[in-house]
Amino acid sequence: MDFALGLGGVSVRPDFFDDKFFEIPDVLWAVDDIWLSGNFMRQGRGIWASNKIKMPVDTGAGNISGLAHSKIEGHDRFSADTLCISYMKNEYGIWK
């Protein structure tokens, strides 16, 4: 997997988070899935998905005030995702 999508959560251990992980540039703090994934890739950690995980029940709450529909610091979700991917490519040479 290239990206960890945390719709139902992501399992991690404390040693997955080094000092660089917490040096989050403006706007990118809102892009958790890509930020997590890029940092895992940067550290050489694989991202695994299980076919036994069930998707969470959609309560509809995400359609009301979900992060995916937010505009943060002038960036919508697509813009912020693209910015984070570009950052990871340029800063760490991943996802070329």
Protein backbone atom coordinates (compact mmCIF):
# COMPACT_ATOMS: atom_id res chain seq x y z
CA MET A 1 0.00 0.00 0.00
CA ASP A 2 1.19 3.55 -0.66
CA PHE A 3 -1.20 5.34 1.68
CA ALA A 4 -2.71 4.54 5.06
CA LEU A 5 -6.28 5.78 4.99
CA GLY A 6 -7.44 6.04 8.57
CA LEU A 7 -11.18 5.74 7.97
CA GLY A 8 -11.37 3.16 10.71
CA GLY A 9 -8.05 3.90 12.37
CA VAL A 10 -4.40 3.06 11.81
CA SER A 11 -2.40 0.83 14.13
CA VAL A 12 0.98 2.26 15.09
CA ARG A 13 3.66 1.90 17.74
CA PRO A 14 5.40 4.78 19.55
CA ASP A 15 8.70 4.07 17.78
CA PHE A 16 7.02 4.94 14.44
CA PHE A 17 7.27 8.62 15.43
CA ASP A 18 10.71 10.23 15.33
CA ASP A 19 11.51 13.93 15.76
CA LYS A 20 11.05 14.67 12.03
CA PHE A 21 7.50 13.36 12.23
CA PHE A 22 6.54 16.27 14.47
CA GLU A 23 8.12 18.97 12.25
CA ILE A 24 4.89 19.59 10.36
CA PRO A 25 4.80 22.56 7.93
CA ASP A 26 1.81 24.90 7.81
CA VAL A 27 -1.32 23.46 6.23
CA LEU A 28 0.10 19.91 6.23
CA TRP A 29 -0.99 19.34 9.83
CA ALA A 30 -4.50 18.84 8.43
CA VAL A 31 -3.46 16.07 6.01
CA ASP A 32 -3.12 13.19 8.44
CA ASP A 33 -3.37 10.19 6.09
CA ILE A 34 -0.72 11.44 3.68
CA TRP A 35 1.49 12.82 6.46
CA LEU A 36 1.43 9.46 8.27
CA SER A 37 2.01 7.52 5.05
CA GLY A 38 4.89 9.71 3.91
CA ASN A 39 6.62 9.42 7.24
CA PHE A 40 6.19 5.65 7.25
CA MET A 41 7.68 5.47 3.73
CA ARG A 42 10.51 7.84 4.69
CA GLN A 43 11.45 5.47 7.51
CA GLY A 44 11.18 2.38 5.30
CA ARG A 45 8.09 1.11 7.09
CA GLY A 46 5.60 -0.86 5.07
CA ILE A 47 1.92 -0.05 5.03
CA TRP A 48 -0.23 -3.13 5.26
CA ALA A 49 -3.95 -3.58 4.86
CA SER A 50 -5.93 -6.55 6.07
CA ASN A 51 -8.85 -7.96 4.16
CA LYS A 52 -10.40 -8.81 7.56
CA ILE A 53 -10.95 -5.19 8.57
CA LYS A 54 -14.52 -4.05 8.25
CA MET A 55 -15.24 -0.52 7.15
CA PRO A 56 -16.80 1.63 9.85
CA VAL A 57 -20.50 2.38 9.70
CA ASP A 58 -21.18 5.67 7.93
CA THR A 59 -23.15 7.80 10.37
CA GLY A 60 -23.34 10.73 7.96
CA ALA A 61 -21.47 12.98 10.42
CA GLY A 62 -18.59 13.36 7.97
CA ASN A 63 -20.93 14.97 5.49
CA ILE A 64 -21.80 17.70 7.96
CA SER A 65 -18.42 18.87 9.22
CA GLY A 66 -15.89 16.35 7.95
CA LEU A 67 -12.24 17.28 7.51
CA ALA A 68 -12.49 16.21 3.86
CA HIS A 69 -14.94 19.05 3.25
CA SER A 70 -13.02 21.70 5.19
CA LYS A 71 -10.99 24.59 3.89
CA ILE A 72 -7.94 25.14 6.09
CA GLU A 73 -5.52 28.03 5.67
CA GLY A 74 -6.94 28.63 2.19
CA HIS A 75 -6.57 25.00 1.03
CA ASP A 76 -9.35 22.52 0.35
CA ARG A 77 -8.69 18.80 0.81
CA PHE A 78 -7.39 18.20 -2.74
CA SER A 79 -5.06 21.20 -2.57
CA ALA A 80 -3.70 20.22 0.87
CA ASP A 81 -3.23 16.57 -0.20
CA THR A 82 -1.35 17.67 -3.33
CA LEU A 83 0.82 20.04 -1.30
CA CYS A 84 1.70 17.27 1.17
CA ILE A 85 2.55 14.79 -1.59
CA SER A 86 4.80 17.39 -3.26
CA TYR A 87 6.47 18.12 0.07
CA MET A 88 7.21 14.42 0.65
CA LYS A 89 8.57 14.03 -2.89
CA ASN A 90 10.84 17.07 -2.63
CA GLU A 91 11.93 16.67 0.98
CA TYR A 92 12.40 12.89 1.18
CA GLY A 93 12.50 11.64 -2.42
CA ILE A 94 9.54 9.30 -2.02
CA TRP A 95 6.62 8.68 -4.39
CA LYS A 96 8.63 9.68 -7.49
